[in-house]
């Protein structure tokens, strides 16, 4: 079997997986408690994020050079100053190693946002956008079924199925706080927001059974 895919293809595959697999960000992963971060985990989703950012670094760098070359020197200088102040604050913090880990996480998140913005604005074609949209509709149906299944099981039984987060049981809140397959209910809800918008867009633009089912 030959894998003659270009870098642009791999960017597309990793981009669509980042969206569709967001509610699965906890699985599979391993716990790596570092620097008083007991919940710190590394998994396939985090590795996928790094892969996507690395694949976007070269074109994103070129786009940044062109942007700052057009009378944007003040913006560049401001970013440099912010970077220096950030590094200084980490060096003078009470827990430099912990602060560096947190800073690295924030930097990766910012890099992911910039990479995704560049990709969607510059390289995403109409055909591939339609593929992503349809994949999101199918994924929203899948995660919706998972949510309803969890809500029924956790409401009627004391089972956690090994995926319910600690403290999310109904005996604490009066109702189970479903988390799908994410670490926390908040993470699951945030990851589901793009699916809601995709379903609304589809229902308004091209209403179909798939779009209404997703919504």
N, C-alpha and C. Protein backbone atom coordinates (compact mmCIF):
# COMPACT_ATOMS: atom_id res chain seq x y z
N UNK A 1 0.84 -1.20 0.00
CA UNK A 1 0.00 0.00 0.00
C UNK A 1 0.88 1.25 0.00
N UNK A 2 0.61 2.18 -0.92
CA UNK A 2 1.40 3.38 -1.03
C UNK A 2 0.69 4.56 -0.38
N UNK A 3 1.48 5.38 0.26
CA UNK A 3 0.94 6.58 0.90
C UNK A 3 1.60 7.80 0.23
N UNK A 4 1.10 8.14 -0.93
CA UNK A 4 1.66 9.26 -1.68
C UNK A 4 0.87 10.53 -1.40
N UNK A 5 0.80 10.90 -0.15
CA UNK A 5 0.05 12.09 0.24
C UNK A 5 1.01 13.27 0.42
N UNK A 6 0.56 14.43 0.03
CA UNK A 6 1.37 15.64 0.19
C UNK A 6 1.22 16.19 1.60
N UNK A 7 2.03 17.19 1.89
CA UNK A 7 1.93 17.85 3.20
C UNK A 7 0.55 18.49 3.36
N UNK A 8 0.01 19.04 2.26
CA UNK A 8 -1.32 19.65 2.32
C UNK A 8 -2.38 18.61 2.68
N UNK A 9 -2.22 17.39 2.18
CA UNK A 9 -3.17 16.32 2.53
C UNK A 9 -3.09 15.99 4.01
N UNK A 10 -1.89 15.89 4.54
CA UNK A 10 -1.73 15.56 5.95
C UNK A 10 -2.25 16.69 6.84
N UNK A 11 -2.09 17.93 6.36
CA UNK A 11 -2.67 19.04 7.11
C UNK A 11 -4.18 18.91 7.16
N UNK A 12 -4.77 18.52 6.06
CA UNK A 12 -6.23 18.36 6.01
C UNK A 12 -6.68 17.24 6.93
N UNK A 13 -6.01 16.09 6.88
CA UNK A 13 -6.39 14.96 7.72
C UNK A 13 -6.26 15.30 9.21
N UNK A 14 -5.16 15.94 9.57
CA UNK A 14 -4.97 16.28 10.98
C UNK A 14 -5.95 17.36 11.42
N UNK A 15 -6.28 18.29 10.54
CA UNK A 15 -7.23 19.36 10.87
C UNK A 15 -8.63 18.79 11.14
N UNK A 16 -9.07 17.91 10.26
CA UNK A 16 -10.41 17.35 10.44
C UNK A 16 -10.47 16.45 11.67
N UNK A 17 -9.38 15.76 11.98
CA UNK A 17 -9.36 14.92 13.19
C UNK A 17 -9.37 15.78 14.45
N UNK A 18 -8.70 16.93 14.40
CA UNK A 18 -8.70 17.82 15.57
C UNK A 18 -10.11 18.28 15.91
N UNK A 19 -10.94 18.49 14.89
CA UNK A 19 -12.31 18.94 15.12
C UNK A 19 -13.20 17.79 15.56
N UNK A 20 -13.18 16.72 14.78
CA UNK A 20 -14.10 15.60 15.01
C UNK A 20 -13.76 14.85 16.29
N UNK A 21 -12.48 14.76 16.62
CA UNK A 21 -12.07 13.97 17.79
C UNK A 21 -11.92 14.80 19.06
N UNK A 22 -12.33 16.06 19.02
CA UNK A 22 -12.16 16.91 20.20
C UNK A 22 -12.84 16.35 21.46
N UNK A 23 -14.08 15.81 21.36
CA UNK A 23 -14.69 15.23 22.57
C UNK A 23 -14.00 13.97 23.07
N UNK A 24 -13.04 13.45 22.30
CA UNK A 24 -12.29 12.25 22.72
C UNK A 24 -10.91 12.61 23.23
N UNK A 25 -10.72 13.86 23.62
CA UNK A 25 -9.38 14.34 23.93
C UNK A 25 -8.71 13.59 25.08
N UNK A 26 -9.49 12.91 25.91
CA UNK A 26 -8.90 12.19 27.05
C UNK A 26 -8.47 10.78 26.68
N UNK A 27 -9.07 10.22 25.66
CA UNK A 27 -8.82 8.82 25.32
C UNK A 27 -8.28 8.71 23.90
N UNK A 28 -7.21 7.93 23.70
CA UNK A 28 -6.36 7.33 24.73
C UNK A 28 -5.28 8.32 25.17
N UNK A 29 -4.94 8.28 26.43
CA UNK A 29 -3.90 9.15 26.98
C UNK A 29 -3.35 8.53 28.24
N UNK A 30 -2.21 9.02 28.67
CA UNK A 30 -1.60 8.54 29.91
C UNK A 30 -1.39 9.72 30.84
N UNK A 31 -1.50 9.45 32.13
CA UNK A 31 -1.32 10.50 33.13
C UNK A 31 0.17 10.71 33.38
N UNK A 32 0.58 11.96 33.29
CA UNK A 32 1.98 12.33 33.55
C UNK A 32 1.98 13.48 34.55
N UNK A 33 1.79 13.19 35.85
CA UNK A 33 1.73 14.28 36.83
C UNK A 33 3.10 14.94 37.00
N UNK A 34 3.18 16.20 36.57
CA UNK A 34 4.43 16.95 36.65
C UNK A 34 4.20 18.29 37.34
N UNK A 35 5.16 18.69 38.19
CA UNK A 35 5.19 20.03 38.78
C UNK A 35 3.85 20.43 39.40
N UNK A 36 3.30 19.58 40.22
CA UNK A 36 2.03 19.84 40.93
C UNK A 36 0.85 19.96 39.98
N UNK A 37 0.95 19.33 38.81
CA UNK A 37 -0.17 19.23 37.88
C UNK A 37 -0.66 17.78 37.90
N UNK A 38 -1.46 17.36 38.89
CA UNK A 38 -1.88 15.96 38.98
C UNK A 38 -2.74 15.51 37.82
N UNK A 39 -3.39 16.45 37.13
CA UNK A 39 -4.28 16.07 36.04
C UNK A 39 -3.61 16.19 34.67
N UNK A 40 -2.32 16.45 34.64
CA UNK A 40 -1.62 16.61 33.37
C UNK A 40 -1.56 15.27 32.64
N UNK A 41 -2.02 15.26 31.38
CA UNK A 41 -2.06 14.04 30.58
C UNK A 41 -1.50 14.31 29.19
N UNK A 42 -0.93 13.26 28.62
CA UNK A 42 -0.46 13.31 27.24
C UNK A 42 -1.09 12.14 26.49
N UNK A 43 -1.72 12.45 25.37
CA UNK A 43 -2.40 11.41 24.61
C UNK A 43 -2.29 11.66 23.12
N UNK A 44 -3.03 10.87 22.36
CA UNK A 44 -2.99 10.98 20.91
C UNK A 44 -3.49 12.34 20.43
N UNK A 45 -4.47 12.91 21.13
CA UNK A 45 -5.01 14.19 20.69
C UNK A 45 -3.97 15.29 20.83
N UNK A 46 -3.22 15.27 21.92
CA UNK A 46 -2.17 16.27 22.10
C UNK A 46 -1.06 16.11 21.06
N UNK A 47 -0.72 14.85 20.76
CA UNK A 47 0.29 14.60 19.73
C UNK A 47 -0.21 15.05 18.36
N UNK A 48 -1.50 14.84 18.10
CA UNK A 48 -2.09 15.29 16.84
C UNK A 48 -2.03 16.81 16.73
N UNK A 49 -2.24 17.50 17.84
CA UNK A 49 -2.14 18.96 17.86
C UNK A 49 -0.74 19.42 17.47
N UNK A 50 0.26 18.76 18.05
CA UNK A 50 1.65 19.12 17.74
C UNK A 50 1.95 18.86 16.26
N UNK A 51 1.47 17.74 15.73
CA UNK A 51 1.69 17.40 14.32
C UNK A 51 1.09 18.47 13.41
N UNK A 52 -0.14 18.89 13.70
CA UNK A 52 -0.79 19.90 12.87
C UNK A 52 -0.04 21.22 12.91
N UNK A 53 0.38 21.63 14.10
CA UNK A 53 1.12 22.89 14.24
C UNK A 53 2.43 22.82 13.47
N UNK A 54 3.15 21.70 13.59
CA UNK A 54 4.43 21.55 12.88
C UNK A 54 4.21 21.60 11.36
N UNK A 55 3.14 20.97 10.88
CA UNK A 55 2.84 20.97 9.44
C UNK A 55 2.50 22.37 8.92
N UNK A 56 2.04 23.24 9.83
CA UNK A 56 1.65 24.60 9.43
C UNK A 56 2.75 25.63 9.70
N UNK A 57 3.84 25.23 10.32
CA UNK A 57 4.85 26.21 10.74
C UNK A 57 5.46 26.96 9.56
N UNK A 58 5.85 26.25 8.52
CA UNK A 58 6.54 26.89 7.40
C UNK A 58 5.65 27.91 6.69
N UNK A 59 4.44 27.54 6.24
CA UNK A 59 3.59 28.56 5.59
C UNK A 59 3.13 29.65 6.55
N UNK A 60 2.94 29.30 7.83
CA UNK A 60 2.54 30.31 8.80
C UNK A 60 3.67 31.31 9.03
N UNK A 61 4.90 30.81 9.04
CA UNK A 61 6.07 31.69 9.20
C UNK A 61 6.18 32.64 8.00
N UNK A 62 5.99 32.08 6.81
CA UNK A 62 6.06 32.92 5.60
C UNK A 62 4.96 33.98 5.59
N UNK A 63 3.75 33.58 6.02
CA UNK A 63 2.65 34.54 6.09
C UNK A 63 2.94 35.63 7.12
N UNK A 64 3.55 35.23 8.24
CA UNK A 64 3.89 36.21 9.27
C UNK A 64 4.95 37.19 8.80
N UNK A 65 5.94 36.70 8.06
CA UNK A 65 6.99 37.59 7.53
C UNK A 65 6.38 38.62 6.59
N UNK A 66 5.48 38.16 5.71
CA UNK A 66 4.85 39.09 4.77
C UNK A 66 3.98 40.11 5.51
N UNK A 67 3.31 39.66 6.57
CA UNK A 67 2.43 40.55 7.31
C UNK A 67 3.23 41.64 8.02
N UNK A 68 4.28 41.22 8.74
CA UNK A 68 5.05 42.19 9.51
C UNK A 68 5.92 43.07 8.62
N UNK A 69 6.17 42.64 7.39
CA UNK A 69 6.97 43.45 6.48
C UNK A 69 6.19 44.64 5.94
N UNK A 70 4.88 44.60 6.04
CA UNK A 70 4.04 45.67 5.53
C UNK A 70 3.66 46.66 6.64
N UNK A 71 4.62 47.43 7.06
CA UNK A 71 4.38 48.51 8.04
C UNK A 71 3.72 48.00 9.32
N UNK A 72 4.15 46.82 9.77
CA UNK A 72 3.61 46.27 11.02
C UNK A 72 4.72 46.10 12.05
N UNK A 73 5.73 46.97 11.98
CA UNK A 73 6.87 46.83 12.87
C UNK A 73 6.48 47.06 14.34
N UNK A 74 5.51 47.94 14.55
CA UNK A 74 5.09 48.21 15.93
C UNK A 74 4.41 46.98 16.53
N UNK A 75 3.63 46.28 15.72
CA UNK A 75 2.99 45.07 16.20
C UNK A 75 4.04 44.03 16.54
N UNK A 76 5.03 43.87 15.67
CA UNK A 76 6.10 42.91 15.92
C UNK A 76 6.87 43.27 17.19
N UNK A 77 7.18 44.55 17.35
CA UNK A 77 7.91 44.99 18.55
C UNK A 77 7.09 44.72 19.81
N UNK A 78 5.78 44.96 19.74
CA UNK A 78 4.92 44.70 20.90
C UNK A 78 4.92 43.21 21.25
N UNK A 79 4.86 42.35 20.24
CA UNK A 79 4.88 40.90 20.49
C UNK A 79 6.21 40.47 21.11
N UNK A 80 7.30 41.03 20.64
CA UNK A 80 8.61 40.72 21.22
C UNK A 80 8.68 41.13 22.68
N UNK A 81 8.17 42.31 22.98
CA UNK A 81 8.17 42.80 24.37
C UNK A 81 7.32 41.89 25.25
N UNK A 82 6.14 41.50 24.75
CA UNK A 82 5.28 40.59 25.51
C UNK A 82 6.00 39.27 25.77
N UNK A 83 6.70 38.75 24.75
CA UNK A 83 7.44 37.51 24.93
C UNK A 83 8.54 37.63 25.97
N UNK A 84 9.27 38.75 25.95
CA UNK A 84 10.33 38.96 26.95
C UNK A 84 9.75 39.07 28.35
N UNK A 85 8.65 39.79 28.49
CA UNK A 85 8.01 39.93 29.80
C UNK A 85 7.50 38.57 30.30
N UNK A 86 6.98 37.76 29.39
CA UNK A 86 6.49 36.44 29.79
C UNK A 86 7.62 35.57 30.29
N UNK A 87 8.73 35.53 29.55
CA UNK A 87 9.88 34.73 29.97
C UNK A 87 10.43 35.23 31.30
N UNK A 88 10.45 36.56 31.49
CA UNK A 88 10.93 37.13 32.74
C UNK A 88 10.03 36.74 33.91
N UNK A 89 8.72 36.78 33.68
CA UNK A 89 7.78 36.42 34.76
C UNK A 89 7.92 34.95 35.14
N UNK A 90 8.19 34.09 34.15
CA UNK A 90 8.40 32.67 34.45
C UNK A 90 9.65 32.48 35.28
N UNK A 91 10.73 33.19 34.92
CA UNK A 91 11.99 33.06 35.64
C UNK A 91 11.88 33.54 37.09
N UNK A 92 11.00 34.54 37.35
CA UNK A 92 10.86 35.10 38.68
C UNK A 92 9.67 34.52 39.46
N UNK A 93 9.01 33.52 38.89
CA UNK A 93 7.85 32.94 39.57
C UNK A 93 8.30 32.05 40.72
N UNK A 94 7.37 31.71 41.61
CA UNK A 94 7.70 30.85 42.75
C UNK A 94 8.04 29.43 42.30
N UNK A 95 7.39 28.96 41.23
CA UNK A 95 7.65 27.63 40.71
C UNK A 95 7.97 27.74 39.22
N UNK A 96 9.22 28.05 38.87
CA UNK A 96 9.58 28.27 37.46
C UNK A 96 9.24 27.08 36.56
N UNK A 97 9.50 25.86 37.04
CA UNK A 97 9.24 24.68 36.20
C UNK A 97 7.74 24.54 35.92
N UNK A 98 6.93 24.74 36.95
CA UNK A 98 5.47 24.65 36.78
C UNK A 98 4.97 25.78 35.87
N UNK A 99 5.50 26.97 36.05
CA UNK A 99 5.10 28.10 35.22
C UNK A 99 5.52 27.88 33.77
N UNK A 100 6.71 27.28 33.57
CA UNK A 100 7.17 27.02 32.21
C UNK A 100 6.27 26.00 31.51
N UNK A 101 5.82 24.99 32.26
CA UNK A 101 4.92 23.99 31.69
C UNK A 101 3.58 24.62 31.31
N UNK A 102 3.06 25.47 32.19
CA UNK A 102 1.81 26.17 31.90
C UNK A 102 1.98 27.10 30.71
N UNK A 103 3.13 27.82 30.67
CA UNK A 103 3.39 28.71 29.56
C UNK A 103 3.51 27.97 28.24
N UNK A 104 4.13 26.79 28.27
CA UNK A 104 4.25 25.98 27.07
C UNK A 104 2.89 25.51 26.58
N UNK A 105 2.00 25.17 27.52
CA UNK A 105 0.65 24.74 27.15
C UNK A 105 -0.12 25.89 26.49
N UNK A 106 0.01 27.08 27.05
CA UNK A 106 -0.66 28.24 26.47
C UNK A 106 -0.08 28.57 25.10
N UNK A 107 1.24 28.47 24.97
CA UNK A 107 1.89 28.74 23.69
C UNK A 107 1.43 27.76 22.62
N UNK A 108 1.28 26.49 23.00
CA UNK A 108 0.81 25.49 22.04
C UNK A 108 -0.63 25.78 21.63
N UNK A 109 -1.45 26.22 22.59
CA UNK A 109 -2.84 26.57 22.28
C UNK A 109 -2.90 27.75 21.31
N UNK A 110 -2.08 28.78 21.56
CA UNK A 110 -2.05 29.94 20.67
C UNK A 110 -1.55 29.53 19.28
N UNK A 111 -0.52 28.68 19.24
CA UNK A 111 0.01 28.20 17.95
C UNK A 111 -1.05 27.41 17.19
N UNK A 112 -1.85 26.62 17.92
CA UNK A 112 -2.91 25.86 17.27
C UNK A 112 -3.97 26.78 16.68
N UNK A 113 -4.36 27.82 17.44
CA UNK A 113 -5.36 28.77 16.95
C UNK A 113 -4.85 29.48 15.70
N UNK A 114 -3.60 29.94 15.71
CA UNK A 114 -3.03 30.63 14.55
C UNK A 114 -2.94 29.70 13.34
N UNK A 115 -2.53 28.45 13.60
CA UNK A 115 -2.40 27.49 12.51
C UNK A 115 -3.75 27.17 11.89
N UNK A 116 -4.75 26.96 12.74
CA UNK A 116 -6.09 26.66 12.25
C UNK A 116 -6.68 27.85 11.50
N UNK A 117 -6.44 29.05 12.01
CA UNK A 117 -6.93 30.26 11.33
C UNK A 117 -6.30 30.39 9.96
N UNK A 118 -4.96 30.21 9.89
CA UNK A 118 -4.28 30.30 8.59
C UNK A 118 -4.79 29.24 7.63
N UNK A 119 -4.94 28.02 8.12
CA UNK A 119 -5.36 26.93 7.24
C UNK A 119 -6.76 27.16 6.68
N UNK A 120 -7.68 27.55 7.57
CA UNK A 120 -9.06 27.77 7.12
C UNK A 120 -9.16 28.97 6.18
N UNK A 121 -8.34 29.98 6.39
CA UNK A 121 -8.42 31.19 5.58
C UNK A 121 -7.65 31.09 4.27
N UNK A 122 -6.61 30.25 4.22
CA UNK A 122 -5.71 30.28 3.07
C UNK A 122 -5.70 28.99 2.25
N UNK A 123 -5.89 27.85 2.87
CA UNK A 123 -5.66 26.60 2.15
C UNK A 123 -6.88 25.70 2.05
N UNK A 124 -7.88 25.92 2.85
CA UNK A 124 -9.04 25.04 2.86
C UNK A 124 -9.91 25.30 1.63
N UNK A 125 -10.06 24.29 0.79
CA UNK A 125 -10.86 24.42 -0.42
C UNK A 125 -12.34 24.18 -0.11
N UNK A 126 -13.19 24.55 -1.06
CA UNK A 126 -14.63 24.36 -0.88
C UNK A 126 -15.00 22.89 -0.74
N UNK A 127 -14.37 22.05 -1.56
CA UNK A 127 -14.66 20.62 -1.51
C UNK A 127 -14.28 20.02 -0.16
N UNK A 128 -13.12 20.41 0.33
CA UNK A 128 -12.68 19.88 1.62
C UNK A 128 -13.50 20.46 2.77
N UNK A 129 -13.94 21.70 2.62
CA UNK A 129 -14.83 22.28 3.63
C UNK A 129 -16.12 21.49 3.72
N UNK A 130 -16.66 21.07 2.59
CA UNK A 130 -17.87 20.27 2.58
C UNK A 130 -17.63 18.91 3.24
N UNK A 131 -16.46 18.34 3.02
CA UNK A 131 -16.11 17.07 3.66
C UNK A 131 -16.05 17.22 5.18
N UNK A 132 -15.44 18.31 5.63
CA UNK A 132 -15.35 18.57 7.07
C UNK A 132 -16.74 18.78 7.66
N UNK A 133 -17.57 19.53 6.96
CA UNK A 133 -18.92 19.81 7.45
C UNK A 133 -19.73 18.53 7.59
N UNK A 134 -19.69 17.67 6.58
CA UNK A 134 -20.44 16.42 6.65
C UNK A 134 -19.90 15.52 7.75
N UNK A 135 -18.58 15.49 7.92
CA UNK A 135 -17.99 14.68 9.00
C UNK A 135 -18.43 15.18 10.36
N UNK A 136 -18.55 16.50 10.51
CA UNK A 136 -19.00 17.06 11.77
C UNK A 136 -20.46 16.71 12.06
N UNK A 137 -21.28 16.65 11.02
CA UNK A 137 -22.69 16.29 11.21
C UNK A 137 -22.81 14.85 11.68
N UNK A 138 -22.05 13.95 11.07
CA UNK A 138 -22.07 12.55 11.50
C UNK A 138 -21.51 12.40 12.92
N UNK A 139 -20.45 13.16 13.21
CA UNK A 139 -19.85 13.09 14.54
C UNK A 139 -20.80 13.62 15.60
N UNK A 140 -21.55 14.67 15.28
CA UNK A 140 -22.48 15.23 16.26
C UNK A 140 -23.58 14.23 16.61
N UNK A 141 -24.02 13.46 15.63
CA UNK A 141 -25.02 12.42 15.90
C UNK A 141 -24.42 11.35 16.81
N UNK A 142 -23.20 10.95 16.52
CA UNK A 142 -22.53 9.93 17.33
C UNK A 142 -22.37 10.38 18.78
N UNK A 143 -21.83 11.58 18.98
CA UNK A 143 -21.61 12.07 20.34
C UNK A 143 -22.93 12.37 21.05
N UNK A 144 -23.96 12.76 20.29
CA UNK A 144 -25.28 12.95 20.90
C UNK A 144 -25.83 11.64 21.44
N UNK A 145 -25.66 10.55 20.68
CA UNK A 145 -26.11 9.23 21.14
C UNK A 145 -25.33 8.81 22.38
N UNK A 146 -24.01 9.06 22.35
CA UNK A 146 -23.18 8.74 23.52
C UNK A 146 -23.67 9.51 24.75
N UNK A 147 -24.00 10.78 24.58
CA UNK A 147 -24.48 11.61 25.69
C UNK A 147 -25.78 11.08 26.27
N UNK A 148 -26.74 10.76 25.40
CA UNK A 148 -28.02 10.25 25.86
C UNK A 148 -27.87 8.90 26.55
N UNK A 149 -26.99 8.07 26.02
CA UNK A 149 -26.73 6.77 26.63
C UNK A 149 -26.15 6.94 28.04
N UNK A 150 -25.18 7.84 28.16
CA UNK A 150 -24.59 8.09 29.47
C UNK A 150 -25.62 8.67 30.43
N UNK A 151 -26.42 9.60 29.96
CA UNK A 151 -27.42 10.22 30.82
C UNK A 151 -28.39 9.17 31.36
N UNK A 152 -28.81 8.22 30.52
CA UNK A 152 -29.73 7.18 30.96
C UNK A 152 -29.06 6.23 31.94
N UNK A 153 -27.86 5.78 31.61
CA UNK A 153 -27.15 4.82 32.48
C UNK A 153 -26.83 5.43 33.83
N UNK A 154 -26.28 6.64 33.82
CA UNK A 154 -25.85 7.27 35.07
C UNK A 154 -27.01 7.76 35.91
N UNK A 155 -28.17 7.97 35.29
CA UNK A 155 -29.36 8.39 36.04
C UNK A 155 -30.04 7.20 36.71
N UNK A 156 -30.02 6.05 36.07
CA UNK A 156 -30.76 4.88 36.55
C UNK A 156 -29.91 3.92 37.36
N UNK A 157 -28.58 4.03 37.26
CA UNK A 157 -27.71 3.09 37.97
C UNK A 157 -26.60 3.85 38.67
N UNK A 158 -25.81 3.11 39.43
CA UNK A 158 -24.65 3.69 40.10
C UNK A 158 -23.37 3.44 39.32
N UNK A 159 -23.50 2.94 38.12
CA UNK A 159 -22.34 2.65 37.30
C UNK A 159 -21.69 3.93 36.78
N UNK A 160 -20.38 3.87 36.61
CA UNK A 160 -19.65 5.00 36.01
C UNK A 160 -19.03 4.61 34.66
N UNK A 161 -19.03 3.31 34.37
CA UNK A 161 -18.46 2.78 33.13
C UNK A 161 -16.99 3.15 32.95
N UNK A 162 -16.38 3.64 34.03
CA UNK A 162 -14.97 3.99 33.98
C UNK A 162 -14.66 5.28 33.25
N UNK A 163 -15.69 6.02 32.83
CA UNK A 163 -15.45 7.26 32.08
C UNK A 163 -16.02 8.49 32.77
N UNK A 164 -16.94 8.29 33.71
CA UNK A 164 -17.53 9.44 34.39
C UNK A 164 -16.49 10.09 35.29
N UNK A 165 -16.38 11.41 35.22
CA UNK A 165 -15.35 12.11 35.98
C UNK A 165 -15.65 12.05 37.47
N UNK A 166 -14.65 12.13 38.35
CA UNK A 166 -14.87 12.11 39.79
C UNK A 166 -15.75 13.28 40.22
N UNK A 167 -16.74 13.00 41.04
CA UNK A 167 -17.62 14.05 41.53
C UNK A 167 -18.74 14.42 40.59
N UNK A 168 -18.92 13.66 39.52
CA UNK A 168 -19.97 13.97 38.55
C UNK A 168 -21.21 13.11 38.74
N UNK A 169 -21.28 12.34 39.81
CA UNK A 169 -22.38 11.43 40.03
C UNK A 169 -23.66 12.20 40.42
N UNK A 170 -24.82 11.60 40.20
CA UNK A 170 -26.07 12.29 40.50
C UNK A 170 -26.31 12.51 41.98
N UNK A 171 -25.67 11.70 42.85
CA UNK A 171 -25.90 11.88 44.28
C UNK A 171 -25.26 13.16 44.82
N UNK A 172 -24.45 13.82 44.03
CA UNK A 172 -23.79 15.06 44.44
C UNK A 172 -24.55 16.27 43.92
N UNK A 173 -24.94 16.24 42.66
CA UNK A 173 -25.61 17.39 42.03
C UNK A 173 -27.11 17.18 41.88
N UNK A 174 -27.57 15.95 42.07
CA UNK A 174 -28.97 15.66 41.82
C UNK A 174 -29.20 15.15 40.40
N UNK A 175 -28.19 15.28 39.58
CA UNK A 175 -28.24 14.77 38.21
C UNK A 175 -26.79 14.47 37.78
N UNK A 176 -26.60 13.50 36.92
CA UNK A 176 -25.25 13.20 36.46
C UNK A 176 -24.74 14.26 35.49
N UNK A 177 -23.50 14.63 35.66
CA UNK A 177 -22.87 15.60 34.75
C UNK A 177 -22.12 14.80 33.69
N UNK A 178 -22.75 14.56 32.57
CA UNK A 178 -22.15 13.71 31.54
C UNK A 178 -20.95 14.41 30.91
N UNK A 179 -19.95 13.62 30.61
CA UNK A 179 -18.72 14.16 30.02
C UNK A 179 -18.32 13.44 28.74
N UNK A 180 -19.25 12.64 28.18
CA UNK A 180 -18.90 11.94 26.96
C UNK A 180 -17.68 11.08 27.18
N UNK A 181 -16.63 11.35 26.46
CA UNK A 181 -15.35 10.68 26.67
C UNK A 181 -14.25 11.71 26.91
N UNK A 182 -14.63 12.89 27.38
CA UNK A 182 -13.67 13.93 27.72
C UNK A 182 -13.36 13.86 29.22
N UNK A 183 -12.40 14.65 29.65
CA UNK A 183 -12.00 14.60 31.05
C UNK A 183 -13.05 15.21 31.97
N UNK A 184 -13.68 16.30 31.53
CA UNK A 184 -14.65 17.02 32.35
C UNK A 184 -15.88 17.37 31.51
N UNK A 185 -17.04 17.56 32.17
CA UNK A 185 -18.24 17.99 31.43
C UNK A 185 -18.03 19.30 30.68
N UNK A 186 -17.26 20.23 31.28
CA UNK A 186 -17.02 21.50 30.61
C UNK A 186 -16.23 21.30 29.32
N UNK A 187 -15.24 20.39 29.37
CA UNK A 187 -14.45 20.12 28.17
C UNK A 187 -15.33 19.51 27.08
N UNK A 188 -16.21 18.63 27.48
CA UNK A 188 -17.10 17.98 26.52
C UNK A 188 -18.04 19.00 25.89
N UNK A 189 -18.60 19.89 26.73
CA UNK A 189 -19.52 20.91 26.22
C UNK A 189 -18.80 21.85 25.25
N UNK A 190 -17.59 22.27 25.60
CA UNK A 190 -16.83 23.16 24.72
C UNK A 190 -16.51 22.49 23.40
N UNK A 191 -16.16 21.20 23.47
CA UNK A 191 -15.82 20.46 22.25
C UNK A 191 -17.04 20.25 21.36
N UNK A 192 -18.24 20.27 21.96
CA UNK A 192 -19.45 20.05 21.18
C UNK A 192 -19.96 21.34 20.51
N UNK A 193 -19.48 22.49 20.93
CA UNK A 193 -19.96 23.75 20.36
C UNK A 193 -19.79 23.83 18.84
N UNK A 194 -18.62 23.46 18.29
CA UNK A 194 -18.49 23.51 16.82
C UNK A 194 -19.53 22.65 16.10
N UNK A 195 -19.92 21.52 16.70
CA UNK A 195 -20.92 20.66 16.07
C UNK A 195 -22.30 21.35 16.05
N UNK A 196 -22.60 22.08 17.11
CA UNK A 196 -23.87 22.81 17.16
C UNK A 196 -23.92 23.86 16.05
N UNK A 197 -22.83 24.62 15.91
CA UNK A 197 -22.79 25.65 14.87
C UNK A 197 -22.83 25.04 13.47
N UNK A 198 -22.14 23.91 13.30
CA UNK A 198 -22.15 23.24 11.99
C UNK A 198 -23.55 22.75 11.65
N UNK A 199 -24.26 22.21 12.64
CA UNK A 199 -25.63 21.74 12.40
C UNK A 199 -26.57 22.89 12.08
N UNK A 200 -26.44 23.99 12.83
CA UNK A 200 -27.28 25.16 12.56
C UNK A 200 -27.02 25.71 11.15
N UNK A 201 -25.76 25.78 10.79
CA UNK A 201 -25.39 26.27 9.46
C UNK A 201 -26.00 25.38 8.38
N UNK A 202 -25.91 24.07 8.57
CA UNK A 202 -26.42 23.14 7.57
C UNK A 202 -27.94 23.22 7.46
N UNK A 203 -28.61 23.35 8.61
CA UNK A 203 -30.07 23.43 8.59
C UNK A 203 -30.54 24.69 7.85
N UNK A 204 -29.80 25.79 8.02
CA UNK A 204 -30.18 27.05 7.38
C UNK A 204 -29.82 27.05 5.90
N UNK A 205 -28.59 26.60 5.59
CA UNK A 205 -28.09 26.68 4.22
C UNK A 205 -28.60 25.54 3.35
N UNK A 206 -28.41 24.31 3.80
CA UNK A 206 -28.80 23.14 3.00
C UNK A 206 -29.54 22.15 3.89
N UNK A 207 -30.78 22.44 4.25
CA UNK A 207 -31.52 21.56 5.15
C UNK A 207 -31.67 20.15 4.56
N UNK A 208 -31.41 19.17 5.41
CA UNK A 208 -31.51 17.77 5.01
C UNK A 208 -31.80 16.93 6.25
N UNK A 209 -32.08 15.66 6.06
CA UNK A 209 -32.31 14.76 7.18
C UNK A 209 -31.06 14.67 8.06
N UNK A 210 -29.90 14.64 7.41
CA UNK A 210 -28.64 14.57 8.17
C UNK A 210 -28.46 15.80 9.03
N UNK A 211 -28.71 16.99 8.45
CA UNK A 211 -28.53 18.24 9.19
C UNK A 211 -29.50 18.32 10.36
N UNK A 212 -30.77 17.99 10.13
CA UNK A 212 -31.75 18.03 11.22
C UNK A 212 -31.45 16.99 12.28
N UNK A 213 -30.97 15.84 11.89
CA UNK A 213 -30.61 14.79 12.87
C UNK A 213 -29.44 15.25 13.72
N UNK A 214 -28.48 15.90 13.10
CA UNK A 214 -27.33 16.41 13.84
C UNK A 214 -27.75 17.47 14.83
N UNK A 215 -28.65 18.35 14.39
CA UNK A 215 -29.11 19.43 15.28
C UNK A 215 -29.90 18.88 16.44
